[in-house]
């Protein structure tokens, strides 16, 4: 098994072209590529720097983050749009200090104490490893992603085993909602 990391558009292209047997990508994905897509939803979470004043709260709401320096994903990112909508619906203006394209960079800024953020639960595992605290959100924000396979590629036993391991991990992960409606 070889595990490679690419942005979602590249994952779609690599699976569609037959270079990869299996891929996981954020949605939405290009439907014109003829790929099989199994969509899943997980809940985004709030990450706080180590020793943050809110670290003892069980869950974090938008109102808790008033005047907090906020590390955001870049504009146009699907998760960013949902986070923006949450704050807008609560009529709360954020203090946007830093934007980053990759969630790993967002996590790094939070771990260094530069602010707080809302990220997918996969990125939150990195944050936890770096000493950040991870909290459910009072208002649910779904992170949607797809397992991609190509109908033209043959069965691959290792890809199937890997996919089963990922599915098992998702079942154990806090914040997993459900498979998305088709």
C-alpha atoms as a PDB file:
ATOM      1  CA  UNK A   1       0.000   0.000   0.000  1.00  0.00           C
ATOM      2  CA  UNK A   2       1.283   3.433  -0.906  1.00  0.00           C
ATOM      3  CA  UNK A   3      -0.412   6.396   0.767  1.00  0.00           C
ATOM      4  CA  UNK A   4      -0.025   9.747  -1.003  1.00  0.00           C
ATOM      5  CA  UNK A   5      -1.516  13.122  -0.151  1.00  0.00           C
ATOM      6  CA  UNK A   6      -2.966  15.440  -2.790  1.00  0.00           C
ATOM      7  CA  UNK A   7      -5.627  18.109  -2.968  1.00  0.00           C
ATOM      8  CA  UNK A   8      -9.129  16.856  -3.766  1.00  0.00           C
ATOM      9  CA  UNK A   9      -9.098  17.812  -7.456  1.00  0.00           C
ATOM     10  CA  UNK A  10      -5.851  15.878  -7.941  1.00  0.00           C
ATOM     11  CA  UNK A  11      -7.277  12.844  -6.109  1.00  0.00           C
ATOM     12  CA  UNK A  12     -10.249  12.824  -8.482  1.00  0.00           C
ATOM     13  CA  UNK A  13      -7.932  12.975 -11.508  1.00  0.00           C
ATOM     14  CA  UNK A  14      -5.563  10.279 -10.211  1.00  0.00           C
ATOM     15  CA  UNK A  15      -8.389   7.820  -9.515  1.00  0.00           C
ATOM     16  CA  UNK A  16     -10.218   8.668 -12.763  1.00  0.00           C
ATOM     17  CA  UNK A  17      -7.050   8.119 -14.788  1.00  0.00           C
ATOM     18  CA  UNK A  18      -6.458   4.723 -13.175  1.00  0.00           C
ATOM     19  CA  UNK A  19      -3.222   5.766 -11.474  1.00  0.00           C
ATOM     20  CA  UNK A  20      -4.765   5.080  -8.063  1.00  0.00           C
ATOM     21  CA  UNK A  21      -7.202   2.319  -7.092  1.00  0.00           C
ATOM     22  CA  UNK A  22      -8.826   4.312  -4.318  1.00  0.00           C
ATOM     23  CA  UNK A  23      -8.986   7.912  -3.179  1.00  0.00           C
ATOM     24  CA  UNK A  24     -10.598  10.065  -0.520  1.00  0.00           C
ATOM     25  CA  UNK A  25     -11.513  13.637  -1.394  1.00  0.00           C
ATOM     26  CA  UNK A  26     -13.530  16.507   0.007  1.00  0.00           C
ATOM     27  CA  UNK A  27     -16.823  17.106  -1.704  1.00  0.00           C
ATOM     28  CA  UNK A  28     -18.103  18.436  -3.956  1.00  0.00           C
ATOM     29  CA  UNK A  29     -16.330  16.401  -6.622  1.00  0.00           C
ATOM     30  CA  UNK A  30     -16.580  16.520 -10.388  1.00  0.00           C
ATOM     31  CA  UNK A  31     -19.348  14.097 -11.357  1.00  0.00           C
ATOM     32  CA  UNK A  32     -18.306  14.042 -15.003  1.00  0.00           C
ATOM     33  CA  UNK A  33     -15.332  11.771 -14.313  1.00  0.00           C
ATOM     34  CA  UNK A  34     -17.416   8.557 -14.089  1.00  0.00           C
ATOM     35  CA  UNK A  35     -16.193   7.641 -10.626  1.00  0.00           C
ATOM     36  CA  UNK A  36     -18.081   5.727  -7.973  1.00  0.00           C
ATOM     37  CA  UNK A  37     -18.369   7.950  -4.913  1.00  0.00           C
ATOM     38  CA  UNK A  38     -19.459   6.905  -1.431  1.00  0.00           C
ATOM     39  CA  UNK A  39     -20.183  10.113   0.470  1.00  0.00           C
ATOM     40  CA  UNK A  40     -19.733  10.323   4.249  1.00  0.00           C
ATOM     41  CA  UNK A  41     -20.321  13.112   6.737  1.00  0.00           C
ATOM     42  CA  UNK A  42     -18.434  13.819   9.935  1.00  0.00           C
ATOM     43  CA  UNK A  43     -18.834  16.725  12.339  1.00  0.00           C
ATOM     44  CA  UNK A  44     -16.334  19.559  12.386  1.00  0.00           C
ATOM     45  CA  UNK A  45     -14.856  20.470  15.764  1.00  0.00           C
ATOM     46  CA  UNK A  46     -13.330  23.489  17.451  1.00  0.00           C
ATOM     47  CA  UNK A  47      -9.623  23.363  18.241  1.00  0.00           C
ATOM     48  CA  UNK A  48      -8.051  25.519  20.922  1.00  0.00           C
ATOM     49  CA  UNK A  49      -4.381  26.143  21.686  1.00  0.00           C
ATOM     50  CA  UNK A  50      -2.838  24.419  24.691  1.00  0.00           C
ATOM     51  CA  UNK A  51      -3.866  26.076  27.992  1.00  0.00           C
ATOM     52  CA  UNK A  52      -6.597  28.173  26.333  1.00  0.00           C
ATOM     53  CA  UNK A  53      -9.170  29.741  28.682  1.00  0.00           C
ATOM     54  CA  UNK A  54     -12.022  27.734  27.075  1.00  0.00           C
ATOM     55  CA  UNK A  55     -10.267  24.353  27.242  1.00  0.00           C
ATOM     56  CA  UNK A  56     -12.522  23.105  30.084  1.00  0.00           C
ATOM     57  CA  UNK A  57     -15.782  23.668  28.199  1.00  0.00           C
ATOM     58  CA  UNK A  58     -17.408  20.481  26.921  1.00  0.00           C
ATOM     59  CA  UNK A  59     -18.624  22.091  23.707  1.00  0.00           C
ATOM     60  CA  UNK A  60     -17.909  25.405  22.015  1.00  0.00           C
ATOM     61  CA  UNK A  61     -20.463  27.687  20.404  1.00  0.00           C
ATOM     62  CA  UNK A  62     -19.977  30.610  18.062  1.00  0.00           C
ATOM     63  CA  UNK A  63     -20.660  33.039  20.919  1.00  0.00           C
ATOM     64  CA  UNK A  64     -17.753  31.572  22.890  1.00  0.00           C
ATOM     65  CA  UNK A  65     -15.386  32.670  20.104  1.00  0.00           C
ATOM     66  CA  UNK A  66     -16.283  36.377  20.105  1.00  0.00           C
ATOM     67  CA  UNK A  67     -13.059  38.453  20.073  1.00  0.00           C
ATOM     68  CA  UNK A  68     -10.892  35.337  19.782  1.00  0.00           C
ATOM     69  CA  UNK A  69      -8.212  35.480  17.089  1.00  0.00           C
ATOM     70  CA  UNK A  70      -9.504  33.021  14.478  1.00  0.00           C
ATOM     71  CA  UNK A  71      -7.345  30.952  12.141  1.00  0.00           C
ATOM     72  CA  UNK A  72      -9.420  30.271   9.050  1.00  0.00           C
ATOM     73  CA  UNK A  73      -9.279  28.081   6.014  1.00  0.00           C
ATOM     74  CA  UNK A  74      -8.982  30.132   2.837  1.00  0.00           C
ATOM     75  CA  UNK A  75     -12.043  31.672   1.225  1.00  0.00           C
ATOM     76  CA  UNK A  76     -13.837  29.397  -1.202  1.00  0.00           C
ATOM     77  CA  UNK A  77     -13.062  26.257   0.823  1.00  0.00           C
ATOM     78  CA  UNK A  78     -16.311  24.318   1.424  1.00  0.00           C
ATOM     79  CA  UNK A  79     -15.684  24.034   5.173  1.00  0.00           C
ATOM     80  CA  UNK A  80     -14.778  27.717   5.390  1.00  0.00           C
ATOM     81  CA  UNK A  81     -18.098  28.633   3.743  1.00  0.00           C
ATOM     82  CA  UNK A  82     -20.005  26.575   6.334  1.00  0.00           C
ATOM     83  CA  UNK A  83     -18.048  28.125   9.215  1.00  0.00           C
ATOM     84  CA  UNK A  84     -18.686  31.609   7.809  1.00  0.00           C
ATOM     85  CA  UNK A  85     -22.410  30.798   7.591  1.00  0.00           C
ATOM     86  CA  UNK A  86     -22.498  29.630  11.218  1.00  0.00           C
ATOM     87  CA  UNK A  87     -21.051  32.913  12.451  1.00  0.00           C
ATOM     88  CA  UNK A  88     -23.284  34.944  10.130  1.00  0.00           C
ATOM     89  CA  UNK A  89     -26.401  33.064  11.330  1.00  0.00           C
ATOM     90  CA  UNK A  90     -25.414  33.849  14.921  1.00  0.00           C
ATOM     91  CA  UNK A  91     -24.745  37.489  13.951  1.00  0.00           C
ATOM     92  CA  UNK A  92     -21.189  37.203  15.260  1.00  0.00           C
ATOM     93  CA  UNK A  93     -18.255  38.903  13.605  1.00  0.00           C
ATOM     94  CA  UNK A  94     -14.998  36.962  13.859  1.00  0.00           C
ATOM     95  CA  UNK A  95     -11.544  38.361  14.318  1.00  0.00           C
ATOM     96  CA  UNK A  96      -9.898  36.773  11.273  1.00  0.00           C
ATOM     97  CA  UNK A  97      -6.166  37.047  11.860  1.00  0.00           C
ATOM     98  CA  UNK A  98      -4.732  34.313   9.648  1.00  0.00           C
ATOM     99  CA  UNK A  99      -5.937  32.273   6.658  1.00  0.00           C
ATOM    100  CA  UNK A 100      -4.348  29.088   5.332  1.00  0.00           C
ATOM    101  CA  UNK A 101      -5.086  26.835   2.392  1.00  0.00           C
ATOM    102  CA  UNK A 102      -4.306  23.556   4.161  1.00  0.00           C
ATOM    103  CA  UNK A 103      -5.940  22.456   7.398  1.00  0.00           C
ATOM    104  CA  UNK A 104      -2.573  21.155   8.631  1.00  0.00           C
ATOM    105  CA  UNK A 105      -1.266  24.737   8.494  1.00  0.00           C
ATOM    106  CA  UNK A 106      -4.357  25.959  10.390  1.00  0.00           C
ATOM    107  CA  UNK A 107      -3.656  23.330  13.062  1.00  0.00           C
ATOM    108  CA  UNK A 108      -0.021  24.434  13.278  1.00  0.00           C
ATOM    109  CA  UNK A 109      -1.002  28.071  13.859  1.00  0.00           C
ATOM    110  CA  UNK A 110      -3.490  27.052  16.563  1.00  0.00           C
ATOM    111  CA  UNK A 111      -0.901  24.798  18.243  1.00  0.00           C
ATOM    112  CA  UNK A 112       1.483  27.774  18.381  1.00  0.00           C
ATOM    113  CA  UNK A 113      -1.174  29.789  20.238  1.00  0.00           C
ATOM    114  CA  UNK A 114      -1.990  32.182  17.406  1.00  0.00           C
ATOM    115  CA  UNK A 115      -5.744  31.632  17.610  1.00  0.00           C
ATOM    116  CA  UNK A 116      -8.621  29.156  17.549  1.00  0.00           C
ATOM    117  CA  UNK A 117     -10.236  27.377  14.628  1.00  0.00           C
ATOM    118  CA  UNK A 118     -12.924  25.011  13.392  1.00  0.00           C
ATOM    119  CA  UNK A 119     -11.668  22.043  11.384  1.00  0.00           C
ATOM    120  CA  UNK A 120     -12.627  18.551  10.279  1.00  0.00           C
ATOM    121  CA  UNK A 121     -12.097  15.776  12.870  1.00  0.00           C
ATOM    122  CA  UNK A 122      -9.213  14.242  10.894  1.00  0.00           C
ATOM    123  CA  UNK A 123      -7.189  17.450  11.183  1.00  0.00           C
ATOM    124  CA  UNK A 124      -8.254  17.660  14.820  1.00  0.00           C
ATOM    125  CA  UNK A 125      -6.321  14.453  15.521  1.00  0.00           C
ATOM    126  CA  UNK A 126      -3.139  16.257  14.478  1.00  0.00           C
ATOM    127  CA  UNK A 127      -4.143  19.197  16.693  1.00  0.00           C
ATOM    128  CA  UNK A 128      -4.628  16.850  19.658  1.00  0.00           C
ATOM    129  CA  UNK A 129      -1.186  15.331  19.055  1.00  0.00           C
ATOM    130  CA  UNK A 130       0.270  18.861  19.160  1.00  0.00           C
ATOM    131  CA  UNK A 131      -1.327  19.563  22.563  1.00  0.00           C
ATOM    132  CA  UNK A 132      -4.460  21.412  21.437  1.00  0.00           C
ATOM    133  CA  UNK A 133      -7.829  20.680  22.977  1.00  0.00           C
ATOM    134  CA  UNK A 134     -10.609  19.467  20.693  1.00  0.00           C
ATOM    135  CA  UNK A 135     -14.270  20.277  21.370  1.00  0.00           C
ATOM    136  CA  UNK A 136     -17.590  19.435  19.726  1.00  0.00           C
ATOM    137  CA  UNK A 137     -19.450  22.419  18.326  1.00  0.00           C
ATOM    138  CA  UNK A 138     -22.754  23.552  19.796  1.00  0.00           C
ATOM    139  CA  UNK A 139     -23.945  24.107  16.200  1.00  0.00           C
ATOM    140  CA  UNK A 140     -23.230  21.135  13.934  1.00  0.00           C
ATOM    141  CA  UNK A 141     -21.121  21.750  10.822  1.00  0.00           C
ATOM    142  CA  UNK A 142     -20.828  18.727   8.549  1.00  0.00           C
ATOM    143  CA  UNK A 143     -17.586  17.904   6.778  1.00  0.00           C
ATOM    144  CA  UNK A 144     -18.377  15.901   3.659  1.00  0.00           C
ATOM    145  CA  UNK A 145     -15.933  13.644   1.864  1.00  0.00           C
ATOM    146  CA  UNK A 146     -16.075  10.815  -0.642  1.00  0.00           C
ATOM    147  CA  UNK A 147     -14.392   7.470  -1.106  1.00  0.00           C
ATOM    148  CA  UNK A 148     -13.644   7.342  -4.834  1.00  0.00           C
ATOM    149  CA  UNK A 149     -13.118   4.317  -7.038  1.00  0.00           C
ATOM    150  CA  UNK A 150     -13.140   3.896 -10.783  1.00  0.00           C
ATOM    151  CA  UNK A 151     -15.609   1.454 -12.328  1.00  0.00           C
ATOM    152  CA  UNK A 152     -12.954   0.639 -14.941  1.00  0.00           C
ATOM    153  CA  UNK A 153     -10.319  -0.490 -12.419  1.00  0.00           C
ATOM    154  CA  UNK A 154     -10.352  -4.117 -11.375  1.00  0.00           C
ATOM    155  CA  UNK A 155     -10.768  -5.386  -7.846  1.00  0.00           C
ATOM    156  CA  UNK A 156      -7.710  -4.831  -5.679  1.00  0.00           C
ATOM    157  CA  UNK A 157      -7.547  -6.845  -2.455  1.00  0.00           C
ATOM    158  CA  UNK A 158      -5.187  -4.427  -0.676  1.00  0.00           C
ATOM    159  CA  UNK A 159      -7.315  -1.401  -1.597  1.00  0.00           C
ATOM    160  CA  UNK A 160     -10.380  -3.249  -0.310  1.00  0.00           C
ATOM    161  CA  UNK A 161      -8.667  -4.099   2.997  1.00  0.00           C
ATOM    162  CA  UNK A 162      -7.466  -0.503   3.366  1.00  0.00           C
ATOM    163  CA  UNK A 163     -10.973   0.797   2.627  1.00  0.00           C
ATOM    164  CA  UNK A 164     -12.428  -1.556   5.256  1.00  0.00           C
ATOM    165  CA  UNK A 165      -9.883  -0.279   7.811  1.00  0.00           C
ATOM    166  CA  UNK A 166     -10.826   3.324   7.040  1.00  0.00           C
ATOM    167  CA  UNK A 167     -14.520   2.467   7.411  1.00  0.00           C
ATOM    168  CA  UNK A 168     -13.853   0.797  10.766  1.00  0.00           C
ATOM    169  CA  UNK A 169     -11.905   3.839  11.927  1.00  0.00           C
ATOM    170  CA  UNK A 170     -14.782   6.109  10.886  1.00  0.00           C
ATOM    171  CA  UNK A 171     -17.250   4.028  12.899  1.00  0.00           C
ATOM    172  CA  UNK A 172     -15.090   4.545  15.997  1.00  0.00           C
ATOM    173  CA  UNK A 173     -14.517   8.253  15.410  1.00  0.00           C
ATOM    174  CA  UNK A 174     -16.479  10.663  17.558  1.00  0.00           C
ATOM    175  CA  UNK A 175     -18.484  13.016  15.412  1.00  0.00           C
ATOM    176  CA  UNK A 176     -19.338  10.592  12.637  1.00  0.00           C
ATOM    177  CA  UNK A 177     -22.881  11.389  11.639  1.00  0.00           C
ATOM    178  CA  UNK A 178     -23.927   8.913   8.991  1.00  0.00           C
ATOM    179  CA  UNK A 179     -23.382   8.060   5.374  1.00  0.00           C
ATOM    180  CA  UNK A 180     -24.801  10.882   3.289  1.00  0.00           C
ATOM    181  CA  UNK A 181     -28.203  10.436   1.686  1.00  0.00           C
ATOM    182  CA  UNK A 182     -27.970   9.422  -1.943  1.00  0.00           C
END
